[in-house]
Amino acid sequence: MTLTKADIVAQVYAQGQLTKAEAAEAVEQGLELIKQALSTGEEVLAAGLASGRCARRPKGVGATPRPVIR
């Protein structure tokens, strides 16, 4: 199953403490904080959920390169 941002907003809203607009804003702000951290090279750890970081990799050849026809 794929969990989308809309699914997360719906689950936050279902907790009954925020309006749907407030839940959407809270989720958006949380995701923005994660994006900013990753873009500055920080590692992100969501305890019990996931961890991740962005890495720069050298440019490489694609998996199925096509020959150049001249």
N, C-alpha and C. Protein backbone atom coordinates (compact mmCIF):
# COMPACT_ATOMS: atom_id res chain seq x y z
N MET A 1 0.83 -1.18 0.00
CA MET A 1 0.00 0.00 0.00
C MET A 1 0.88 1.24 0.00
N THR A 2 0.49 2.22 -0.76
CA THR A 2 1.21 3.48 -0.83
C THR A 2 0.55 4.49 0.10
N LEU A 3 1.35 5.12 0.92
CA LEU A 3 0.85 6.14 1.83
C LEU A 3 1.14 7.51 1.22
N THR A 4 0.11 8.26 0.90
CA THR A 4 0.27 9.57 0.29
C THR A 4 0.15 10.67 1.33
N LYS A 5 0.51 11.88 0.90
CA LYS A 5 0.38 13.03 1.79
C LYS A 5 -1.08 13.22 2.20
N ALA A 6 -2.01 12.99 1.28
CA ALA A 6 -3.44 13.10 1.58
C ALA A 6 -3.86 12.09 2.65
N ASP A 7 -3.28 10.88 2.59
CA ASP A 7 -3.57 9.87 3.61
C ASP A 7 -3.09 10.33 4.99
N ILE A 8 -1.91 10.92 5.03
CA ILE A 8 -1.36 11.40 6.30
C ILE A 8 -2.23 12.52 6.85
N VAL A 9 -2.64 13.45 5.98
CA VAL A 9 -3.52 14.55 6.40
C VAL A 9 -4.82 13.98 6.96
N ALA A 10 -5.39 13.00 6.28
CA ALA A 10 -6.66 12.41 6.73
C ALA A 10 -6.50 11.75 8.10
N GLN A 11 -5.38 11.09 8.33
CA GLN A 11 -5.15 10.45 9.62
C GLN A 11 -4.94 11.47 10.73
N VAL A 12 -4.23 12.56 10.44
CA VAL A 12 -4.05 13.62 11.43
C VAL A 12 -5.41 14.26 11.74
N TYR A 13 -6.20 14.51 10.71
CA TYR A 13 -7.53 15.10 10.89
C TYR A 13 -8.43 14.19 11.71
N ALA A 14 -8.31 12.88 11.50
CA ALA A 14 -9.15 11.91 12.20
C ALA A 14 -8.89 11.89 13.71
N GLN A 15 -7.75 12.40 14.13
CA GLN A 15 -7.45 12.46 15.56
C GLN A 15 -8.39 13.42 16.27
N GLY A 16 -9.03 14.33 15.51
CA GLY A 16 -10.07 15.19 16.04
C GLY A 16 -9.61 16.45 16.74
N GLN A 17 -8.32 16.77 16.69
CA GLN A 17 -7.83 17.95 17.39
C GLN A 17 -7.60 19.14 16.45
N LEU A 18 -7.53 18.88 15.16
CA LEU A 18 -7.27 19.93 14.18
C LEU A 18 -8.35 19.91 13.09
N THR A 19 -8.57 21.08 12.49
CA THR A 19 -9.44 21.11 11.32
C THR A 19 -8.67 20.49 10.17
N LYS A 20 -9.36 20.19 9.08
CA LYS A 20 -8.69 19.59 7.93
C LYS A 20 -7.61 20.53 7.37
N ALA A 21 -7.91 21.84 7.34
CA ALA A 21 -6.93 22.81 6.86
C ALA A 21 -5.71 22.87 7.78
N GLU A 22 -5.94 22.82 9.08
CA GLU A 22 -4.83 22.84 10.04
C GLU A 22 -4.00 21.56 9.94
N ALA A 23 -4.66 20.44 9.74
CA ALA A 23 -3.95 19.17 9.58
C ALA A 23 -3.09 19.20 8.32
N ALA A 24 -3.63 19.72 7.24
CA ALA A 24 -2.88 19.82 5.98
C ALA A 24 -1.67 20.73 6.16
N GLU A 25 -1.84 21.84 6.84
CA GLU A 25 -0.73 22.78 7.07
C GLU A 25 0.33 22.14 7.96
N ALA A 26 -0.07 21.41 8.99
CA ALA A 26 0.88 20.75 9.88
C ALA A 26 1.72 19.72 9.13
N VAL A 27 1.06 18.91 8.31
CA VAL A 27 1.78 17.91 7.52
C VAL A 27 2.71 18.58 6.54
N GLU A 28 2.25 19.63 5.87
CA GLU A 28 3.08 20.35 4.90
C GLU A 28 4.31 20.95 5.57
N GLN A 29 4.14 21.54 6.75
CA GLN A 29 5.28 22.12 7.47
C GLN A 29 6.27 21.04 7.89
N GLY A 30 5.76 19.89 8.34
CA GLY A 30 6.64 18.80 8.72
C GLY A 30 7.46 18.29 7.55
N LEU A 31 6.82 18.12 6.41
CA LEU A 31 7.53 17.66 5.21
C LEU A 31 8.53 18.70 4.72
N GLU A 32 8.18 19.97 4.84
CA GLU A 32 9.10 21.04 4.44
C GLU A 32 10.36 21.03 5.31
N LEU A 33 10.20 20.81 6.62
CA LEU A 33 11.35 20.71 7.51
C LEU A 33 12.27 19.55 7.11
N ILE A 34 11.67 18.43 6.74
CA ILE A 34 12.45 17.28 6.31
C ILE A 34 13.20 17.60 5.02
N LYS A 35 12.51 18.24 4.06
CA LYS A 35 13.15 18.60 2.79
C LYS A 35 14.32 19.55 3.01
N GLN A 36 14.14 20.54 3.88
CA GLN A 36 15.21 21.50 4.15
C GLN A 36 16.42 20.81 4.78
N ALA A 37 16.16 19.92 5.71
CA ALA A 37 17.25 19.20 6.37
C ALA A 37 18.03 18.36 5.35
N LEU A 38 17.32 17.64 4.50
CA LEU A 38 17.98 16.81 3.50
C LEU A 38 18.76 17.65 2.49
N SER A 39 18.22 18.81 2.13
CA SER A 39 18.90 19.64 1.13
C SER A 39 20.19 20.25 1.67
N THR A 40 20.31 20.36 3.00
CA THR A 40 21.54 20.89 3.59
C THR A 40 22.51 19.78 3.98
N GLY A 41 22.16 18.53 3.66
CA GLY A 41 23.07 17.43 3.91
C GLY A 41 22.88 16.75 5.26
N GLU A 42 21.90 17.17 6.02
CA GLU A 42 21.65 16.53 7.31
C GLU A 42 20.99 15.18 7.11
N GLU A 43 21.21 14.29 8.06
CA GLU A 43 20.54 13.00 8.04
C GLU A 43 19.21 13.15 8.78
N VAL A 44 18.17 12.54 8.27
CA VAL A 44 16.84 12.61 8.88
C VAL A 44 16.51 11.25 9.46
N LEU A 45 16.08 11.22 10.71
CA LEU A 45 15.70 9.98 11.38
C LEU A 45 14.31 10.15 11.96
N ALA A 46 13.37 9.34 11.49
CA ALA A 46 12.03 9.30 12.05
C ALA A 46 11.97 8.01 12.85
N ALA A 47 12.17 8.12 14.16
CA ALA A 47 12.29 6.95 15.02
C ALA A 47 11.12 5.99 14.83
N GLY A 48 11.44 4.74 14.60
CA GLY A 48 10.42 3.72 14.42
C GLY A 48 9.81 3.71 13.03
N LEU A 49 10.25 4.63 12.15
CA LEU A 49 9.65 4.71 10.83
C LEU A 49 10.69 4.54 9.74
N ALA A 50 11.61 5.50 9.67
CA ALA A 50 12.61 5.46 8.60
C ALA A 50 13.74 6.41 8.92
N SER A 51 14.80 6.28 8.16
CA SER A 51 15.89 7.24 8.22
C SER A 51 16.39 7.42 6.80
N GLY A 52 17.03 8.53 6.55
CA GLY A 52 17.53 8.75 5.20
C GLY A 52 18.39 9.98 5.11
N ARG A 53 19.11 10.05 4.00
CA ARG A 53 19.92 11.21 3.69
C ARG A 53 20.11 11.27 2.19
N CYS A 54 20.45 12.42 1.71
CA CYS A 54 20.71 12.59 0.29
C CYS A 54 22.20 12.44 0.06
N ALA A 55 22.55 11.85 -1.05
CA ALA A 55 23.96 11.68 -1.38
C ALA A 55 24.19 12.12 -2.82
N ARG A 56 25.30 12.80 -3.02
CA ARG A 56 25.68 13.20 -4.38
C ARG A 56 26.42 12.02 -5.01
N ARG A 57 26.02 11.67 -6.18
CA ARG A 57 26.67 10.56 -6.87
C ARG A 57 27.18 11.05 -8.22
N PRO A 58 28.26 10.46 -8.68
CA PRO A 58 28.78 10.88 -9.98
C PRO A 58 27.81 10.51 -11.10
N LYS A 59 27.81 11.33 -12.12
CA LYS A 59 26.96 11.07 -13.26
C LYS A 59 27.42 9.78 -13.92
N GLY A 60 26.48 8.94 -14.26
CA GLY A 60 26.83 7.66 -14.87
C GLY A 60 26.04 7.39 -16.13
N VAL A 61 26.34 6.28 -16.74
CA VAL A 61 25.64 5.85 -17.94
C VAL A 61 24.33 5.20 -17.51
N GLY A 62 23.26 5.43 -18.26
CA GLY A 62 21.97 4.83 -17.93
C GLY A 62 22.01 3.31 -18.03
N ALA A 63 20.98 2.68 -17.52
CA ALA A 63 20.91 1.22 -17.49
C ALA A 63 20.82 0.62 -18.89
N THR A 64 20.16 1.33 -19.80
CA THR A 64 20.01 0.82 -21.16
C THR A 64 20.41 1.90 -22.16
N PRO A 65 21.71 2.19 -22.26
CA PRO A 65 22.13 3.23 -23.20
C PRO A 65 21.88 2.80 -24.65
N ARG A 66 21.49 3.74 -25.45
CA ARG A 66 21.25 3.46 -26.87
C ARG A 66 22.48 3.86 -27.68
N PRO A 67 22.81 3.08 -28.68
CA PRO A 67 23.96 3.44 -29.51
C PRO A 67 23.64 4.68 -30.35
N VAL A 68 24.67 5.46 -30.62
CA VAL A 68 24.51 6.65 -31.45
C VAL A 68 24.56 6.21 -32.90
N ILE A 69 23.53 6.54 -33.65
CA ILE A 69 23.44 6.18 -35.06
C ILE A 69 23.82 7.40 -35.87
N ARG A 70 24.81 7.25 -36.73
CA ARG A 70 25.28 8.39 -37.55
C ARG A 70 25.13 8.09 -39.00
